[in-house]
Amino acid sequence: MRLGVDASNLRAGGGVTHLTELLHAADPVAHGFTQVVVWAGKSLLEKIEERPWLVKAWVPALDGGLARRIFWQRTELPQLVRQAGCDALLAPGGTGPGGFQPVITMSRNMLPFEWRELARYRRSPIGLRLLLLRFAQARTLRSAAGVIFLTRYAREAVTRVTGPLNGTSSIIPHGVSTRFFQALRPQSPIEHYSEARPLRLLYVSIVDLYKHQWHVVTAVARLRARGLPLVLDLVGPAYPPALARLRRAIAACDPRGEFVRYAGAAANTQLPMHYAEADVCVFASSCENMPNILLEGMAAGLPIACSNRGPMPEILADAGVYFDPEQPEDIARAVAELLSSPQRRAVLAAHAQQRAQAYSWQRCAGETLEFLAQVVRNYGTPRVVLERC
């Protein structure tokens, strides 16, 4: 069998990480695939390692804008897939071309499927794009021969919008790179920290409207007002309107720049260093499909204060302390609860890291290829729902 991969709408972030890690860990021959052809832009193909079974097909149109990429996907890709002799096409970006089956797609982005989160963008260009994605992805998900969901939460939330799917579905979580795993560290009482050596909270994520960094800033300011020696490190790129809101919160809560540090974007290779320098991980997102950043904090062996929204309780389970991400006082409560007991921090950190060990890219690659092969073999038979956790 031959497998095609439509990477036309993978530009950055989790989608690129998923594909590069998946292909790095994959053994397609063991699942019956003799060749994998990836159509992508130049920058993405440069990130993908060479493999004997891999054909990297550069498409200049995919280095262009959104309209050009969509036009290529709709008009040229189906013919290229047939010419390559592919038995199936994986479309990990959530939308696929018409005119070819079987297509296996992935549900990766929850923002288009949750009205409360989509409404944060109002009538902005991002809001319009998300609304269009809602319809485009729902159509692809309904018509695909196979759909991969990353969490149970995502499958339930998305299918409430799409209705029944025509194809087979499976739950296959992403992995977390081994470079994020670090030795568990001793947990000290809060009395051991001081203004000279403060306890460091770390929140790694894009600054965006559903990430609520400003509420975390307010929560840390309230804890410091109670005498707790804390600093907050924020790492990640930014959506400009959300960054403006964050800066207003910092100006109001920390006008002298004493305890909030926004480092901006960091290369993926630099993130393990940030986790190594932190004492507690905070994750305050209200909308996720598969919270990769949460997995990274778990792998790093950090105690975690976490949002109670979306799939976060499914991933972290009882290995963290939860809060409402839109209530600063509740965020402060969760962080204070962690800080009150070094013993509990140690137990939760160890439990979180143990849970993270189940999320390997080898497992993700193996289950993905097994699912793809099954879709090809069973294409045209009645729908089957598979669950892997």
Foldseek 3Di string as FASTA:
>chain_A
DEEEEECLPPDDDPVLVQVQLLQVLFDLVVLPHQAYEYEAADVSVVSHDDDPRYHYHHDPQSVDDDVSSVCCQAPPVLVVCVVVVHLEYEYAVLAHYPDDDQYEYEDFFCQLQDCVNLCLCPPDPVSVVSVVSLVRNLVRQQAHQEYEAADPLSVVSSCVSSPDHQHAYEHFHAAADLLLADDADAFDAQVVADLVRAAEEEEEDEQDPQFQVLLQLVLVLVVVVVVRRYAYEYEEAYDVVSVVVNVVSCCVRPVPPRGYHYPHYDDPVCVSVVLVPHAEYEGQGQTGRHPNVLLSNLNNLHAYEYEPHTCVCVQLPPLHHYFHSVHSNRSNVRVVVCNRDSVSRNVSSVSSNVSSVVRHSSSSSVVVSNVVSVSSVQPPHGYDYYYDD
